[in-house]
Amino acid sequence: MGEVLLVYELRPESPEIKPEILEERVRANLPERIKMQNTIEKRPLAFGLVSMVAQFIIPEEDGMQDSLEEYLSAIEGVQSVNLDFVTRL
């Protein structure tokens, strides 16, 4: 079975939540079969908010993308999760 690369933008709830904090929280309990790439991108928004753009590799199976999105949305300090890009590897 193949793999899928997903690129997500995670927007913080407040300017106090920096991309580095979000990255720590994402990596802390990342589900077993999901891999997060080492490089993150910081994307300035407005009013001091800076989002985190991260790449994830998941198995190409039903429900894996939904599981990842649910996990990311449940992280403390994350206001929204937006899918920027998806492709098969």
C-alpha atoms as a PDB file:
ATOM      1  CA  MET A   1       0.000   0.000   0.000  1.00  0.00           C
ATOM      2  CA  GLY A   2       1.246   3.506  -0.798  1.00  0.00           C
ATOM      3  CA  GLU A   3       1.726   6.627   1.230  1.00  0.00           C
ATOM      4  CA  VAL A   4       0.235  10.107   1.051  1.00  0.00           C
ATOM      5  CA  LEU A   5       1.925  13.449   1.744  1.00  0.00           C
ATOM      6  CA  LEU A   6      -0.332  16.023   3.393  1.00  0.00           C
ATOM      7  CA  VAL A   7       0.589  19.650   4.070  1.00  0.00           C
ATOM      8  CA  TYR A   8      -1.432  21.377   6.788  1.00  0.00           C
ATOM      9  CA  GLU A   9      -1.516  24.927   8.102  1.00  0.00           C
ATOM     10  CA  LEU A  10      -2.237  25.109  11.835  1.00  0.00           C
ATOM     11  CA  ARG A  11      -3.467  28.499  13.009  1.00  0.00           C
ATOM     12  CA  PRO A  12      -2.991  29.412  16.677  1.00  0.00           C
ATOM     13  CA  GLU A  13      -5.678  30.759  18.987  1.00  0.00           C
ATOM     14  CA  SER A  14      -3.543  33.723  20.091  1.00  0.00           C
ATOM     15  CA  PRO A  15      -0.240  35.493  19.352  1.00  0.00           C
ATOM     16  CA  GLU A  16       1.229  33.965  22.536  1.00  0.00           C
ATOM     17  CA  ILE A  17       1.146  30.520  20.910  1.00  0.00           C
ATOM     18  CA  LYS A  18       4.228  30.428  18.713  1.00  0.00           C
ATOM     19  CA  PRO A  19       4.829  27.883  15.904  1.00  0.00           C
ATOM     20  CA  GLU A  20       7.535  26.223  18.006  1.00  0.00           C
ATOM     21  CA  ILE A  21       5.000  25.548  20.763  1.00  0.00           C
ATOM     22  CA  LEU A  22       2.544  24.074  18.262  1.00  0.00           C
ATOM     23  CA  GLU A  23       5.287  21.885  16.807  1.00  0.00           C
ATOM     24  CA  GLU A  24       6.150  20.510  20.267  1.00  0.00           C
ATOM     25  CA  ARG A  25       2.509  19.744  20.983  1.00  0.00           C
ATOM     26  CA  VAL A  26       1.986  18.031  17.623  1.00  0.00           C
ATOM     27  CA  ARG A  27       5.087  15.860  17.976  1.00  0.00           C
ATOM     28  CA  ALA A  28       4.357  14.956  21.621  1.00  0.00           C
ATOM     29  CA  ASN A  29       1.559  12.465  20.923  1.00  0.00           C
ATOM     30  CA  LEU A  30       1.640  11.970  17.158  1.00  0.00           C
ATOM     31  CA  PRO A  31      -0.262   8.780  16.264  1.00  0.00           C
ATOM     32  CA  GLU A  32       2.012   5.810  15.616  1.00  0.00           C
ATOM     33  CA  ARG A  33       1.582   5.385  11.851  1.00  0.00           C
ATOM     34  CA  ILE A  34       1.789   9.095  11.035  1.00  0.00           C
ATOM     35  CA  LYS A  35       5.165  10.699  10.314  1.00  0.00           C
ATOM     36  CA  MET A  36       5.829  14.424  10.582  1.00  0.00           C
ATOM     37  CA  GLN A  37       8.628  15.854   8.448  1.00  0.00           C
ATOM     38  CA  ASN A  38      11.397  17.710  10.288  1.00  0.00           C
ATOM     39  CA  THR A  39      10.967  21.095   8.619  1.00  0.00           C
ATOM     40  CA  ILE A  40       8.124  23.436   9.487  1.00  0.00           C
ATOM     41  CA  GLU A  41       7.293  26.746   7.827  1.00  0.00           C
ATOM     42  CA  LYS A  42       6.196  29.835   9.730  1.00  0.00           C
ATOM     43  CA  ARG A  43       3.532  31.857   7.944  1.00  0.00           C
ATOM     44  CA  PRO A  44       2.710  35.360   9.297  1.00  0.00           C
ATOM     45  CA  LEU A  45      -1.020  36.073   9.448  1.00  0.00           C
ATOM     46  CA  ALA A  46      -2.263  39.263  11.132  1.00  0.00           C
ATOM     47  CA  PHE A  47      -2.166  40.961  14.530  1.00  0.00           C
ATOM     48  CA  GLY A  48       0.982  39.065  15.542  1.00  0.00           C
ATOM     49  CA  LEU A  49      -0.411  35.627  14.715  1.00  0.00           C
ATOM     50  CA  VAL A  50       2.003  33.214  13.045  1.00  0.00           C
ATOM     51  CA  SER A  51       0.746  29.888  11.705  1.00  0.00           C
ATOM     52  CA  MET A  52       2.719  26.665  11.392  1.00  0.00           C
ATOM     53  CA  VAL A  53       2.814  24.763   8.105  1.00  0.00           C
ATOM     54  CA  ALA A  54       3.842  21.131   8.498  1.00  0.00           C
ATOM     55  CA  GLN A  55       4.132  18.073   6.265  1.00  0.00           C
ATOM     56  CA  PHE A  56       2.824  14.669   7.282  1.00  0.00           C
ATOM     57  CA  ILE A  57       3.158  11.257   5.648  1.00  0.00           C
ATOM     58  CA  ILE A  58       0.361   8.774   6.265  1.00  0.00           C
ATOM     59  CA  PRO A  59      -0.478   5.320   4.922  1.00  0.00           C
ATOM     60  CA  GLU A  60      -2.934   5.385   2.027  1.00  0.00           C
ATOM     61  CA  GLU A  61      -5.864   3.892   3.955  1.00  0.00           C
ATOM     62  CA  ASP A  62      -9.464   4.885   4.541  1.00  0.00           C
ATOM     63  CA  GLY A  63      -9.853   7.119   7.572  1.00  0.00           C
ATOM     64  CA  MET A  64      -6.177   8.001   8.086  1.00  0.00           C
ATOM     65  CA  GLN A  65      -6.559  11.593   6.865  1.00  0.00           C
ATOM     66  CA  ASP A  66      -9.632  12.076   9.050  1.00  0.00           C
ATOM     67  CA  SER A  67      -7.736  10.680  12.048  1.00  0.00           C
ATOM     68  CA  LEU A  68      -4.869  13.101  11.472  1.00  0.00           C
ATOM     69  CA  GLU A  69      -7.208  16.088  11.119  1.00  0.00           C
ATOM     70  CA  GLU A  70      -9.073  15.139  14.309  1.00  0.00           C
ATOM     71  CA  TYR A  71      -5.766  14.800  16.164  1.00  0.00           C
ATOM     72  CA  LEU A  72      -4.476  18.177  14.935  1.00  0.00           C
ATOM     73  CA  SER A  73      -7.774  19.948  15.688  1.00  0.00           C
ATOM     74  CA  ALA A  74      -7.785  18.625  19.261  1.00  0.00           C
ATOM     75  CA  ILE A  75      -4.350  20.065  20.135  1.00  0.00           C
ATOM     76  CA  GLU A  76      -4.471  22.784  22.765  1.00  0.00           C
ATOM     77  CA  GLY A  77      -3.914  26.220  21.221  1.00  0.00           C
ATOM     78  CA  VAL A  78      -4.944  25.283  17.670  1.00  0.00           C
ATOM     79  CA  GLN A  79      -7.793  27.420  16.356  1.00  0.00           C
ATOM     80  CA  SER A  80      -8.053  25.877  12.885  1.00  0.00           C
ATOM     81  CA  VAL A  81      -6.457  23.266  10.641  1.00  0.00           C
ATOM     82  CA  ASN A  82      -6.360  23.811   6.871  1.00  0.00           C
ATOM     83  CA  LEU A  83      -5.220  21.314   4.255  1.00  0.00           C
ATOM     84  CA  ASP A  84      -2.883  23.110   1.810  1.00  0.00           C
ATOM     85  CA  PHE A  85      -1.671  20.236  -0.367  1.00  0.00           C
ATOM     86  CA  VAL A  86      -2.029  16.476  -0.825  1.00  0.00           C
ATOM     87  CA  THR A  87      -0.270  13.999  -3.129  1.00  0.00           C
ATOM     88  CA  ARG A  88       0.501  10.301  -3.369  1.00  0.00           C
ATOM     89  CA  LEU A  89       4.097   9.252  -2.890  1.00  0.00           C
END
